[in-house]
PDB file of N, CA and C in Angstrom:
ATOM      1  N   MET A   1    -139.574 -52.380 -45.545  1.00  0.00           N
ATOM      2  CA  MET A   1    -139.825 -51.432 -46.602  1.00  0.00           C
ATOM      3  C   MET A   1    -138.504 -50.834 -47.035  1.00  0.00           C
ATOM      4  N   LEU A   2    -138.408 -50.515 -48.266  1.00  0.00           N
ATOM      5  CA  LEU A   2    -137.134 -50.104 -48.813  1.00  0.00           C
ATOM      6  C   LEU A   2    -136.575 -48.850 -48.157  1.00  0.00           C
ATOM      7  N   GLN A   3    -137.388 -47.811 -47.996  1.00  0.00           N
ATOM      8  CA  GLN A   3    -136.877 -46.572 -47.413  1.00  0.00           C
ATOM      9  C   GLN A   3    -136.440 -46.815 -45.980  1.00  0.00           C
ATOM     10  N   ALA A   4    -137.200 -47.601 -45.239  1.00  0.00           N
ATOM     11  CA  ALA A   4    -136.866 -47.873 -43.844  1.00  0.00           C
ATOM     12  C   ALA A   4    -135.606 -48.723 -43.725  1.00  0.00           C
ATOM     13  N   SER A   5    -135.227 -49.419 -44.782  1.00  0.00           N
ATOM     14  CA  SER A   5    -134.061 -50.289 -44.745  1.00  0.00           C
ATOM     15  C   SER A   5    -132.790 -49.576 -45.148  1.00  0.00           C
ATOM     16  N   GLY A   6    -132.822 -48.278 -45.243  1.00  0.00           N
ATOM     17  CA  GLY A   6    -131.616 -47.543 -45.559  1.00  0.00           C
ATOM     18  C   GLY A   6    -131.441 -47.212 -47.025  1.00  0.00           C
ATOM     19  N   PHE A   7    -132.449 -47.406 -47.824  1.00  0.00           N
ATOM     20  CA  PHE A   7    -132.367 -47.063 -49.235  1.00  0.00           C
ATOM     21  C   PHE A   7    -132.813 -45.624 -49.439  1.00  0.00           C
ATOM     22  N   SER A   8    -132.230 -44.984 -50.397  1.00  0.00           N
ATOM     23  CA  SER A   8    -132.645 -43.630 -50.736  1.00  0.00           C
ATOM     24  C   SER A   8    -133.234 -43.634 -52.141  1.00  0.00           C
ATOM     25  N   SER A   9    -133.773 -42.503 -52.551  1.00  0.00           N
ATOM     26  CA  SER A   9    -134.306 -42.379 -53.907  1.00  0.00           C
ATOM     27  C   SER A   9    -133.209 -42.624 -54.931  1.00  0.00           C
ATOM     28  N   TYR A  10    -132.004 -42.192 -54.596  1.00  0.00           N
ATOM     29  CA  TYR A  10    -130.873 -42.378 -55.502  1.00  0.00           C
ATOM     30  C   TYR A  10    -130.635 -43.858 -55.765  1.00  0.00           C
ATOM     31  N   ASP A  11    -130.821 -44.699 -54.743  1.00  0.00           N
ATOM     32  CA  ASP A  11    -130.592 -46.135 -54.903  1.00  0.00           C
ATOM     33  C   ASP A  11    -131.472 -46.728 -55.992  1.00  0.00           C
ATOM     34  N   PHE A  12    -132.656 -46.177 -56.177  1.00  0.00           N
ATOM     35  CA  PHE A  12    -133.564 -46.709 -57.186  1.00  0.00           C
ATOM     36  C   PHE A  12    -133.167 -46.269 -58.587  1.00  0.00           C
ATOM     37  N   LEU A  13    -132.404 -45.199 -58.674  1.00  0.00           N
ATOM     38  CA  LEU A  13    -131.963 -44.716 -59.973  1.00  0.00           C
ATOM     39  C   LEU A  13    -130.683 -45.401 -60.422  1.00  0.00           C
ATOM     40  N   VAL A  14    -129.834 -45.723 -59.482  1.00  0.00           N
ATOM     41  CA  VAL A  14    -128.545 -46.329 -59.790  1.00  0.00           C
ATOM     42  C   VAL A  14    -128.492 -47.685 -59.096  1.00  0.00           C
ATOM     43  N   GLY A  15    -128.767 -48.742 -59.833  1.00  0.00           N
ATOM     44  CA  GLY A  15    -128.798 -50.079 -59.255  1.00  0.00           C
ATOM     45  C   GLY A  15    -127.490 -50.811 -59.462  1.00  0.00           C
ATOM     46  N   THR A  16    -126.606 -50.748 -58.458  1.00  0.00           N
ATOM     47  CA  THR A  16    -125.358 -51.497 -58.539  1.00  0.00           C
ATOM     48  C   THR A  16    -125.641 -52.942 -58.150  1.00  0.00           C
ATOM     49  N   ASP A  17    -124.690 -53.815 -58.406  1.00  0.00           N
ATOM     50  CA  ASP A  17    -124.866 -55.216 -58.033  1.00  0.00           C
ATOM     51  C   ASP A  17    -125.096 -55.356 -56.526  1.00  0.00           C
ATOM     52  N   GLU A  18    -124.376 -54.553 -55.739  1.00  0.00           N
ATOM     53  CA  GLU A  18    -124.532 -54.615 -54.283  1.00  0.00           C
ATOM     54  C   GLU A  18    -125.946 -54.208 -53.868  1.00  0.00           C
ATOM     55  N   ARG A  19    -126.439 -53.138 -54.445  1.00  0.00           N
ATOM     56  CA  ARG A  19    -127.790 -52.682 -54.107  1.00  0.00           C
ATOM     57  C   ARG A  19    -128.844 -53.700 -54.532  1.00  0.00           C
ATOM     58  N   ILE A  20    -128.674 -54.230 -55.713  1.00  0.00           N
ATOM     59  CA  ILE A  20    -129.631 -55.221 -56.199  1.00  0.00           C
ATOM     60  C   ILE A  20    -129.631 -56.434 -55.280  1.00  0.00           C
ATOM     61  N   GLN A  21    -128.459 -56.842 -54.810  1.00  0.00           N
ATOM     62  CA  GLN A  21    -128.379 -57.976 -53.891  1.00  0.00           C
ATOM     63  C   GLN A  21    -129.061 -57.647 -52.565  1.00  0.00           C
ATOM     64  N   ARG A  22    -128.898 -56.414 -52.058  1.00  0.00           N
ATOM     65  CA  ARG A  22    -129.561 -56.009 -50.820  1.00  0.00           C
ATOM     66  C   ARG A  22    -131.072 -56.044 -50.993  1.00  0.00           C
ATOM     67  N   TRP A  23    -131.568 -55.574 -52.143  1.00  0.00           N
ATOM     68  CA  TRP A  23    -133.004 -55.611 -52.418  1.00  0.00           C
ATOM     69  C   TRP A  23    -133.504 -57.054 -52.435  1.00  0.00           C
ATOM     70  N   ALA A  24    -132.748 -57.921 -53.095  1.00  0.00           N
ATOM     71  CA  ALA A  24    -133.145 -59.324 -53.184  1.00  0.00           C
ATOM     72  C   ALA A  24    -133.159 -59.967 -51.798  1.00  0.00           C
ATOM     73  N   ASP A  25    -132.127 -59.680 -50.984  1.00  0.00           N
ATOM     74  CA  ASP A  25    -132.074 -60.231 -49.625  1.00  0.00           C
ATOM     75  C   ASP A  25    -133.267 -59.759 -48.797  1.00  0.00           C
ATOM     76  N   GLU A  26    -133.603 -58.489 -48.939  1.00  0.00           N
ATOM     77  CA  GLU A  26    -134.734 -57.950 -48.196  1.00  0.00           C
ATOM     78  C   GLU A  26    -136.038 -58.618 -48.642  1.00  0.00           C
ATOM     79  N   ALA A  27    -136.211 -58.785 -49.947  1.00  0.00           N
ATOM     80  CA  ALA A  27    -137.434 -59.400 -50.461  1.00  0.00           C
ATOM     81  C   ALA A  27    -137.545 -60.847 -50.009  1.00  0.00           C
ATOM     82  N   GLU A  28    -136.425 -61.562 -50.010  1.00  0.00           N
ATOM     83  CA  GLU A  28    -136.440 -62.960 -49.576  1.00  0.00           C
ATOM     84  C   GLU A  28    -136.753 -63.074 -48.090  1.00  0.00           C
ATOM     85  N   GLY A  29    -136.374 -62.058 -47.319  1.00  0.00           N
ATOM     86  CA  GLY A  29    -136.665 -62.062 -45.887  1.00  0.00           C
ATOM     87  C   GLY A  29    -138.140 -61.849 -45.601  1.00  0.00           C
ATOM     88  N   GLY A  30    -138.851 -61.312 -46.554  1.00  0.00           N
ATOM     89  CA  GLY A  30    -140.283 -61.091 -46.404  1.00  0.00           C
ATOM     90  C   GLY A  30    -140.599 -59.716 -45.853  1.00  0.00           C
ATOM     91  N   TYR A  31    -141.835 -59.319 -46.026  1.00  0.00           N
ATOM     92  CA  TYR A  31    -142.313 -58.018 -45.579  1.00  0.00           C
ATOM     93  C   TYR A  31    -143.476 -58.216 -44.620  1.00  0.00           C
ATOM     94  N   ASP A  32    -143.639 -57.299 -43.706  1.00  0.00           N
ATOM     95  CA  ASP A  32    -144.761 -57.303 -42.787  1.00  0.00           C
ATOM     96  C   ASP A  32    -145.969 -56.732 -43.534  1.00  0.00           C
ATOM     97  N   VAL A  33    -146.855 -57.594 -43.967  1.00  0.00           N
ATOM     98  CA  VAL A  33    -147.989 -57.188 -44.788  1.00  0.00           C
ATOM     99  C   VAL A  33    -148.886 -56.210 -44.037  1.00  0.00           C
ATOM    100  N   GLU A  34    -149.097 -56.428 -42.745  1.00  0.00           N
ATOM    101  CA  GLU A  34    -149.941 -55.517 -41.969  1.00  0.00           C
ATOM    102  C   GLU A  34    -149.335 -54.116 -41.920  1.00  0.00           C
ATOM    103  N   GLN A  35    -148.019 -54.040 -41.806  1.00  0.00           N
ATOM    104  CA  GLN A  35    -147.368 -52.731 -41.802  1.00  0.00           C
ATOM    105  C   GLN A  35    -147.510 -52.055 -43.162  1.00  0.00           C
ATOM    106  N   LEU A  36    -147.389 -52.798 -44.239  1.00  0.00           N
ATOM    107  CA  LEU A  36    -147.561 -52.238 -45.572  1.00  0.00           C
ATOM    108  C   LEU A  36    -148.985 -51.720 -45.767  1.00  0.00           C
ATOM    109  N   LYS A  37    -149.958 -52.412 -45.221  1.00  0.00           N
ATOM    110  CA  LYS A  37    -151.350 -51.986 -45.353  1.00  0.00           C
ATOM    111  C   LYS A  37    -151.607 -50.707 -44.568  1.00  0.00           C
ATOM    112  N   ARG A  38    -150.901 -50.499 -43.452  1.00  0.00           N
ATOM    113  CA  ARG A  38    -151.113 -49.323 -42.619  1.00  0.00           C
ATOM    114  C   ARG A  38    -150.567 -48.058 -43.250  1.00  0.00           C
ATOM    115  N   ARG A  39    -149.630 -48.193 -44.157  1.00  0.00           N
ATOM    116  CA  ARG A  39    -149.075 -47.001 -44.793  1.00  0.00           C
ATOM    117  C   ARG A  39    -150.172 -46.247 -45.507  1.00  0.00           C
ATOM    118  N   GLY A  40    -150.217 -44.953 -45.300  1.00  0.00           N
ATOM    119  CA  GLY A  40    -151.194 -44.139 -45.995  1.00  0.00           C
ATOM    120  C   GLY A  40    -150.779 -43.946 -47.447  1.00  0.00           C
ATOM    121  N   ARG A  41    -151.709 -44.051 -48.316  1.00  0.00           N
ATOM    122  CA  ARG A  41    -151.413 -43.833 -49.731  1.00  0.00           C
ATOM    123  C   ARG A  41    -152.296 -42.718 -50.237  1.00  0.00           C
ATOM    124  N   GLY A  42    -151.743 -41.886 -51.045  1.00  0.00           N
ATOM    125  CA  GLY A  42    -152.507 -40.791 -51.609  1.00  0.00           C
ATOM    126  C   GLY A  42    -152.679 -39.660 -50.612  1.00  0.00           C
ATOM    127  N   ARG A  43    -153.459 -38.737 -51.003  1.00  0.00           N
ATOM    128  CA  ARG A  43    -153.695 -37.572 -50.152  1.00  0.00           C
ATOM    129  C   ARG A  43    -154.702 -37.920 -49.064  1.00  0.00           C
ATOM    130  N   PRO A  44    -154.534 -37.352 -47.889  1.00  0.00           N
ATOM    131  CA  PRO A  44    -155.508 -37.623 -46.829  1.00  0.00           C
ATOM    132  C   PRO A  44    -156.866 -37.019 -47.177  1.00  0.00           C
ATOM    133  N   GLY A  45    -157.910 -37.677 -46.757  1.00  0.00           N
ATOM    134  CA  GLY A  45    -159.251 -37.201 -47.023  1.00  0.00           C
ATOM    135  C   GLY A  45    -159.571 -35.956 -46.210  1.00  0.00           C
ATOM    136  N   ARG A  46    -160.514 -35.158 -46.699  1.00  0.00           N
ATOM    137  CA  ARG A  46    -160.917 -33.948 -45.993  1.00  0.00           C
ATOM    138  C   ARG A  46    -162.321 -34.069 -45.448  1.00  0.00           C
ATOM    139  N   GLY A  47    -162.964 -35.174 -45.668  1.00  0.00           N
ATOM    140  CA  GLY A  47    -164.328 -35.338 -45.201  1.00  0.00           C
ATOM    141  C   GLY A  47    -164.831 -36.727 -45.531  1.00  0.00           C
ATOM    142  N   ALA A  48    -166.107 -36.933 -45.293  1.00  0.00           N
ATOM    143  CA  ALA A  48    -166.697 -38.248 -45.522  1.00  0.00           C
ATOM    144  C   ALA A  48    -166.937 -38.522 -47.005  1.00  0.00           C
ATOM    145  N   GLU A  49    -167.113 -37.460 -47.786  1.00  0.00           N
ATOM    146  CA  GLU A  49    -167.416 -37.637 -49.205  1.00  0.00           C
ATOM    147  C   GLU A  49    -166.162 -37.476 -50.053  1.00  0.00           C
ATOM    148  N   PRO A  50    -166.115 -38.153 -51.199  1.00  0.00           N
ATOM    149  CA  PRO A  50    -164.974 -37.978 -52.101  1.00  0.00           C
ATOM    150  C   PRO A  50    -164.911 -36.537 -52.622  1.00  0.00           C
ATOM    151  N   MET A  51    -163.727 -36.052 -52.829  1.00  0.00           N
ATOM    152  CA  MET A  51    -163.551 -34.694 -53.344  1.00  0.00           C
ATOM    153  C   MET A  51    -163.483 -34.735 -54.863  1.00  0.00           C
ATOM    154  N   GLN A  52    -163.759 -33.614 -55.474  1.00  0.00           N
ATOM    155  CA  GLN A  52    -163.673 -33.496 -56.922  1.00  0.00           C
ATOM    156  C   GLN A  52    -162.576 -32.508 -57.276  1.00  0.00           C
ATOM    157  N   VAL A  53    -161.899 -32.779 -58.357  1.00  0.00           N
ATOM    158  CA  VAL A  53    -160.899 -31.859 -58.881  1.00  0.00           C
ATOM    159  C   VAL A  53    -161.601 -30.937 -59.866  1.00  0.00           C
ATOM    160  N   VAL A  54    -161.379 -29.633 -59.721  1.00  0.00           N
ATOM    161  CA  VAL A  54    -162.013 -28.646 -60.586  1.00  0.00           C
ATOM    162  C   VAL A  54    -160.918 -27.762 -61.181  1.00  0.00           C
ATOM    163  N   ALA A  55    -160.913 -27.651 -62.483  1.00  0.00           N
ATOM    164  CA  ALA A  55    -159.940 -26.789 -63.158  1.00  0.00           C
ATOM    165  C   ALA A  55    -160.462 -25.363 -63.174  1.00  0.00           C
ATOM    166  N   VAL A  56    -159.617 -24.427 -62.795  1.00  0.00           N
ATOM    167  CA  VAL A  56    -159.983 -23.011 -62.759  1.00  0.00           C
ATOM    168  C   VAL A  56    -158.896 -22.236 -63.485  1.00  0.00           C
ATOM    169  N   ARG A  57    -159.273 -21.339 -64.336  1.00  0.00           N
ATOM    170  CA  ARG A  57    -158.301 -20.498 -65.037  1.00  0.00           C
ATOM    171  C   ARG A  57    -158.098 -19.204 -64.256  1.00  0.00           C
ATOM    172  N   LEU A  58    -156.834 -18.895 -63.964  1.00  0.00           N
ATOM    173  CA  LEU A  58    -156.483 -17.673 -63.248  1.00  0.00           C
ATOM    174  C   LEU A  58    -155.486 -16.879 -64.070  1.00  0.00           C
ATOM    175  N   THR A  59    -155.545 -15.569 -63.935  1.00  0.00           N
ATOM    176  CA  THR A  59    -154.543 -14.729 -64.594  1.00  0.00           C
ATOM    177  C   THR A  59    -153.217 -14.892 -63.846  1.00  0.00           C
ATOM    178  N   ALA A  60    -152.161 -14.433 -64.467  1.00  0.00           N
ATOM    179  CA  ALA A  60    -150.841 -14.504 -63.823  1.00  0.00           C
ATOM    180  C   ALA A  60    -150.841 -13.711 -62.518  1.00  0.00           C
ATOM    181  N   ASP A  61    -151.518 -12.563 -62.503  1.00  0.00           N
ATOM    182  CA  ASP A  61    -151.594 -11.749 -61.282  1.00  0.00           C
ATOM    183  C   ASP A  61    -152.384 -12.453 -60.183  1.00  0.00           C
ATOM    184  N   GLU A  62    -153.497 -13.092 -60.546  1.00  0.00           N
ATOM    185  CA  GLU A  62    -154.292 -13.815 -59.549  1.00  0.00           C
ATOM    186  C   GLU A  62    -153.508 -14.976 -58.960  1.00  0.00           C
ATOM    187  N   LEU A  63    -152.823 -15.680 -59.818  1.00  0.00           N
ATOM    188  CA  LEU A  63    -152.025 -16.817 -59.364  1.00  0.00           C
ATOM    189  C   LEU A  63    -150.873 -16.355 -58.476  1.00  0.00           C
ATOM    190  N   ALA A  64    -150.206 -15.283 -58.858  1.00  0.00           N
ATOM    191  CA  ALA A  64    -149.100 -14.751 -58.054  1.00  0.00           C
ATOM    192  C   ALA A  64    -149.598 -14.300 -56.684  1.00  0.00           C
ATOM    193  N   ALA A  65    -150.758 -13.657 -56.654  1.00  0.00           N
ATOM    194  CA  ALA A  65    -151.321 -13.215 -55.372  1.00  0.00           C
ATOM    195  C   ALA A  65    -151.683 -14.413 -54.503  1.00  0.00           C
ATOM    196  N   SER A  66    -152.263 -15.439 -55.100  1.00  0.00           N
ATOM    197  CA  SER A  66    -152.617 -16.657 -54.351  1.00  0.00           C
ATOM    198  C   SER A  66    -151.379 -17.332 -53.801  1.00  0.00           C
ATOM    199  N   ASP A  67    -150.349 -17.443 -54.632  1.00  0.00           N
ATOM    200  CA  ASP A  67    -149.111 -18.085 -54.199  1.00  0.00           C
ATOM    201  C   ASP A  67    -148.402 -17.283 -53.112  1.00  0.00           C
ATOM    202  N   ALA A  68    -148.442 -15.954 -53.219  1.00  0.00           N
ATOM    203  CA  ALA A  68    -147.817 -15.109 -52.195  1.00  0.00           C
ATOM    204  C   ALA A  68    -148.537 -15.294 -50.858  1.00  0.00           C
ATOM    205  N   LEU A  69    -149.857 -15.344 -50.892  1.00  0.00           N
ATOM    206  CA  LEU A  69    -150.628 -15.562 -49.670  1.00  0.00           C
ATOM    207  C   LEU A  69    -150.347 -16.949 -49.095  1.00  0.00           C
ATOM    208  N   ALA A  70    -150.284 -17.931 -49.965  1.00  0.00           N
ATOM    209  CA  ALA A  70    -150.002 -19.299 -49.519  1.00  0.00           C
ATOM    210  C   ALA A  70    -148.647 -19.370 -48.817  1.00  0.00           C
ATOM    211  N   GLU A  71    -147.650 -18.721 -49.384  1.00  0.00           N
ATOM    212  CA  GLU A  71    -146.321 -18.736 -48.775  1.00  0.00           C
ATOM    213  C   GLU A  71    -146.336 -18.001 -47.434  1.00  0.00           C
ATOM    214  N   ARG A  72    -146.984 -16.867 -47.415  1.00  0.00           N
ATOM    215  CA  ARG A  72    -147.049 -16.066 -46.187  1.00  0.00           C
ATOM    216  C   ARG A  72    -147.746 -16.821 -45.049  1.00  0.00           C
ATOM    217  N   GLU A  73    -148.814 -17.523 -45.403  1.00  0.00           N
ATOM    218  CA  GLU A  73    -149.622 -18.228 -44.399  1.00  0.00           C
ATOM    219  C   GLU A  73    -149.199 -19.685 -44.206  1.00  0.00           C
ATOM    220  N   HIS A  74    -148.173 -20.132 -44.937  1.00  0.00           N
ATOM    221  CA  HIS A  74    -147.686 -21.519 -44.867  1.00  0.00           C
ATOM    222  C   HIS A  74    -148.803 -22.504 -45.220  1.00  0.00           C
ATOM    223  N   LEU A  75    -149.497 -22.206 -46.303  1.00  0.00           N
ATOM    224  CA  LEU A  75    -150.578 -23.045 -46.803  1.00  0.00           C
ATOM    225  C   LEU A  75    -150.268 -23.488 -48.227  1.00  0.00           C
ATOM    226  N   SER A  76    -151.005 -24.472 -48.688  1.00  0.00           N
ATOM    227  CA  SER A  76    -150.885 -24.857 -50.090  1.00  0.00           C
ATOM    228  C   SER A  76    -151.729 -23.897 -50.936  1.00  0.00           C
ATOM    229  N   ARG A  77    -151.442 -23.866 -52.203  1.00  0.00           N
ATOM    230  CA  ARG A  77    -152.234 -23.055 -53.132  1.00  0.00           C
ATOM    231  C   ARG A  77    -153.699 -23.487 -53.072  1.00  0.00           C
ATOM    232  N   SER A  78    -153.934 -24.790 -53.039  1.00  0.00           N
ATOM    233  CA  SER A  78    -155.306 -25.298 -52.998  1.00  0.00           C
ATOM    234  C   SER A  78    -156.034 -24.832 -51.748  1.00  0.00           C
ATOM    235  N   GLU A  79    -155.347 -24.863 -50.609  1.00  0.00           N
ATOM    236  CA  GLU A  79    -155.994 -24.446 -49.360  1.00  0.00           C
ATOM    237  C   GLU A  79    -156.352 -22.967 -49.396  1.00  0.00           C
ATOM    238  N   VAL A  80    -155.499 -22.144 -49.975  1.00  0.00           N
ATOM    239  CA  VAL A  80    -155.802 -20.715 -50.104  1.00  0.00           C
ATOM    240  C   VAL A  80    -157.069 -20.524 -50.936  1.00  0.00           C
ATOM    241  N   ILE A  81    -157.169 -21.235 -52.037  1.00  0.00           N
ATOM    242  CA  ILE A  81    -158.338 -21.105 -52.915  1.00  0.00           C
ATOM    243  C   ILE A  81    -159.589 -21.633 -52.219  1.00  0.00           C
ATOM    244  N   ARG A  82    -159.478 -22.774 -51.511  1.00  0.00           N
ATOM    245  CA  ARG A  82    -160.640 -23.303 -50.784  1.00  0.00           C
ATOM    246  C   ARG A  82    -161.126 -22.310 -49.735  1.00  0.00           C
ATOM    247  N   ARG A  83    -160.190 -21.715 -48.993  1.00  0.00           N
ATOM    248  CA  ARG A  83    -160.575 -20.748 -47.969  1.00  0.00           C
ATOM    249  C   ARG A  83    -161.221 -19.507 -48.575  1.00  0.00           C
ATOM    250  N   ALA A  84    -160.706 -19.061 -49.706  1.00  0.00           N
ATOM    251  CA  ALA A  84    -161.291 -17.890 -50.375  1.00  0.00           C
ATOM    252  C   ALA A  84    -162.715 -18.203 -50.814  1.00  0.00           C
ATOM    253  N   LEU A  85    -162.935 -19.390 -51.357  1.00  0.00           N
ATOM    254  CA  LEU A  85    -164.296 -19.778 -51.772  1.00  0.00           C
ATOM    255  C   LEU A  85    -165.225 -19.881 -50.581  1.00  0.00           C
ATOM    256  N   ALA A  86    -164.745 -20.453 -49.484  1.00  0.00           N
ATOM    257  CA  ALA A  86    -165.578 -20.598 -48.286  1.00  0.00           C
ATOM    258  C   ALA A  86    -165.946 -19.231 -47.736  1.00  0.00           C
ATOM    259  N   GLU A  87    -165.005 -18.314 -47.714  1.00  0.00           N
ATOM    260  CA  GLU A  87    -165.282 -16.957 -47.213  1.00  0.00           C
ATOM    261  C   GLU A  87    -166.272 -16.232 -48.126  1.00  0.00           C
ATOM    262  N   TYR A  88    -166.114 -16.373 -49.406  1.00  0.00           N
ATOM    263  CA  TYR A  88    -167.012 -15.744 -50.360  1.00  0.00           C
ATOM    264  C   TYR A  88    -168.437 -16.277 -50.235  1.00  0.00           C
ATOM    265  N   ALA A  89    -168.545 -17.590 -50.024  1.00  0.00           N
ATOM    266  CA  ALA A  89    -169.861 -18.220 -49.949  1.00  0.00           C
ATOM    267  C   ALA A  89    -170.555 -17.966 -48.607  1.00  0.00           C
ATOM    268  N   ALA A  90    -169.812 -17.559 -47.609  1.00  0.00           N
ATOM    269  CA  ALA A  90    -170.395 -17.358 -46.262  1.00  0.00           C
ATOM    270  C   ALA A  90    -171.296 -16.136 -46.203  1.00  0.00           C
TER     271      ALA A  90
END
């Protein structure tokens, strides 16, 4: 895999002849398909059922309060909102 082979994000933006040759050499060497399949893609699931995205309009004050709580508790904004909904519904 490219990142594991010593490539950085910068390498993908600036493709010098040397970098392009390294990419070609790596591709010609082949990839471990099973390892590629094991890589997680996307966000991890939170349950057995698919989740839905819901748009919610918040005032600037509500958003600032949510973000402040998220930072204080080391949570994402989404997790703060999910927890608030769960507490309200309980």
